[in-house]
C-alpha atoms as a PDB file:
ATOM      1  CA  MET A   1      -0.046  -0.022  -0.008  1.00  0.00           C
ATOM      2  CA  THR A   2       1.256   3.519  -0.813  1.00  0.00           C
ATOM      3  CA  THR A   3       0.127   6.817   0.518  1.00  0.00           C
ATOM      4  CA  LEU A   4       1.029   9.108  -2.383  1.00  0.00           C
ATOM      5  CA  THR A   5      -1.320  12.000  -3.127  1.00  0.00           C
ATOM      6  CA  ARG A   6      -3.192  11.992  -6.411  1.00  0.00           C
ATOM      7  CA  GLU A   7      -5.804  14.432  -7.744  1.00  0.00           C
ATOM      8  CA  PRO A   8      -7.404  16.258  -4.790  1.00  0.00           C
ATOM      9  CA  LEU A   9     -10.806  15.144  -3.678  1.00  0.00           C
ATOM     10  CA  THR A  10     -13.578  17.615  -4.297  1.00  0.00           C
ATOM     11  CA  ALA A  11     -17.015  18.397  -2.818  1.00  0.00           C
ATOM     12  CA  THR A  12     -18.573  16.146  -5.436  1.00  0.00           C
ATOM     13  CA  ASP A  13     -16.693  13.089  -4.010  1.00  0.00           C
ATOM     14  CA  ARG A  14     -19.114  11.527  -1.568  1.00  0.00           C
ATOM     15  CA  CYS A  15     -18.731   8.875   1.214  1.00  0.00           C
ATOM     16  CA  ASP A  16     -19.905   5.495   0.047  1.00  0.00           C
ATOM     17  CA  ARG A  17     -21.374   4.811   3.522  1.00  0.00           C
ATOM     18  CA  CYS A  18     -23.276   7.976   4.360  1.00  0.00           C
ATOM     19  CA  GLY A  19     -23.065  10.412   1.471  1.00  0.00           C
ATOM     20  CA  SER A  20     -21.109  13.078   3.275  1.00  0.00           C
ATOM     21  CA  GLN A  21     -18.130  14.778   1.598  1.00  0.00           C
ATOM     22  CA  ALA A  22     -15.326  12.272   1.111  1.00  0.00           C
ATOM     23  CA  TYR A  23     -11.895  13.030   2.493  1.00  0.00           C
ATOM     24  CA  VAL A  24     -10.398   9.561   1.933  1.00  0.00           C
ATOM     25  CA  ARG A  25     -10.113   7.628  -1.377  1.00  0.00           C
ATOM     26  CA  VAL A  26      -9.220   3.942  -1.061  1.00  0.00           C
ATOM     27  CA  GLU A  27      -8.028   2.346  -4.302  1.00  0.00           C
ATOM     28  CA  LEU A  28      -8.480  -1.400  -4.575  1.00  0.00           C
ATOM     29  CA  ASN A  29      -7.610  -3.767  -7.399  1.00  0.00           C
ATOM     30  CA  THR A  30     -11.306  -3.837  -8.265  1.00  0.00           C
ATOM     31  CA  GLY A  31     -12.153  -0.107  -7.944  1.00  0.00           C
ATOM     32  CA  GLU A  32     -12.345   2.729  -5.508  1.00  0.00           C
ATOM     33  CA  LEU A  33     -14.093   3.493  -2.260  1.00  0.00           C
ATOM     34  CA  PHE A  34     -14.669   6.961  -0.803  1.00  0.00           C
ATOM     35  CA  PHE A  35     -15.165   7.750   2.871  1.00  0.00           C
ATOM     36  CA  CYS A  36     -15.858  10.777   5.037  1.00  0.00           C
ATOM     37  CA  GLY A  37     -13.402  11.256   7.980  1.00  0.00           C
ATOM     38  CA  HIS A  38     -15.714   9.338  10.383  1.00  0.00           C
ATOM     39  CA  HIS A  39     -16.132   6.226   8.242  1.00  0.00           C
ATOM     40  CA  ALA A  40     -12.445   6.248   7.188  1.00  0.00           C
ATOM     41  CA  ARG A  41     -11.444   5.996  10.844  1.00  0.00           C
ATOM     42  CA  ALA A  42     -14.146   3.443  11.659  1.00  0.00           C
ATOM     43  CA  LEU A  43     -13.238   1.176   8.693  1.00  0.00           C
ATOM     44  CA  HIS A  44      -9.458   1.736   8.664  1.00  0.00           C
ATOM     45  CA  ASP A  45      -8.533  -1.741   9.743  1.00  0.00           C
ATOM     46  CA  ALA A  46     -10.868  -3.320   7.180  1.00  0.00           C
ATOM     47  CA  TYR A  47      -9.368  -1.597   4.133  1.00  0.00           C
ATOM     48  CA  THR A  48      -5.668  -0.968   4.864  1.00  0.00           C
ATOM     49  CA  HIS A  49      -4.547  -4.551   4.241  1.00  0.00           C
ATOM     50  CA  VAL A  50      -6.362  -4.772   0.865  1.00  0.00           C
ATOM     51  CA  ALA A  51      -5.802  -1.231  -0.422  1.00  0.00           C
ATOM     52  CA  VAL A  52      -3.490  -0.564  -3.333  1.00  0.00           C
ATOM     53  CA  HIS A  53      -3.378   3.151  -2.451  1.00  0.00           C
ATOM     54  CA  VAL A  54      -4.964   5.352   0.223  1.00  0.00           C
ATOM     55  CA  GLN A  55      -5.397   9.069  -0.347  1.00  0.00           C
ATOM     56  CA  ASP A  56      -6.135  10.658   3.026  1.00  0.00           C
ATOM     57  CA  GLU A  57      -7.069  14.336   3.005  1.00  0.00           C
ATOM     58  CA  THR A  58      -8.646  14.399   6.475  1.00  0.00           C
ATOM     59  CA  ASP A  59      -6.118  17.158   7.505  1.00  0.00           C
ATOM     60  CA  ARG A  60      -8.268  19.467   5.289  1.00  0.00           C
ATOM     61  CA  LEU A  61     -11.122  19.190   7.763  1.00  0.00           C
ATOM     62  CA  MET A  62      -9.273  21.309  10.363  1.00  0.00           C
ATOM     63  CA  ARG A  63      -7.927  23.745   7.742  1.00  0.00           C
ATOM     64  CA  GLU A  64     -11.365  24.244   6.130  1.00  0.00           C
ATOM     65  CA  HIS A  65     -13.634  24.080   9.166  1.00  0.00           C
ATOM     66  CA  GLY A  66     -11.308  24.886  12.098  1.00  0.00           C
ATOM     67  CA  ASN A  67     -12.064  23.972  15.663  1.00  0.00           C
ATOM     68  CA  ILE A  68     -15.857  23.928  15.627  1.00  0.00           C
ATOM     69  CA  LYS A  69     -17.175  24.381  19.198  1.00  0.00           C
ATOM     70  CA  GLN A  70     -20.412  22.849  20.223  1.00  0.00           C
ATOM     71  CA  PRO A  71     -23.008  25.141  21.805  1.00  0.00           C
ATOM     72  CA  VAL A  72     -23.239  24.872  25.590  1.00  0.00           C
ATOM     73  CA  ALA A  73     -26.628  23.592  26.852  1.00  0.00           C
ATOM     74  CA  ALA A  74     -28.348  26.103  29.152  1.00  0.00           C
END
């Protein structure tokens, strides 16, 4: 498995599990899978040993959205 960066993922790339914006592309011998940050972390152990290439752009989440604070309940 390699971790070289290829073409950047865009807002049109969607998570195959939930439909959110994809930040991880997993290339397999048989095709590609796209995951949001949540599902990429949750499924990491399942795909890493069969992936040909993993493009992980989850670092963009912090750059694009920053430290989002949750509202405090009154």
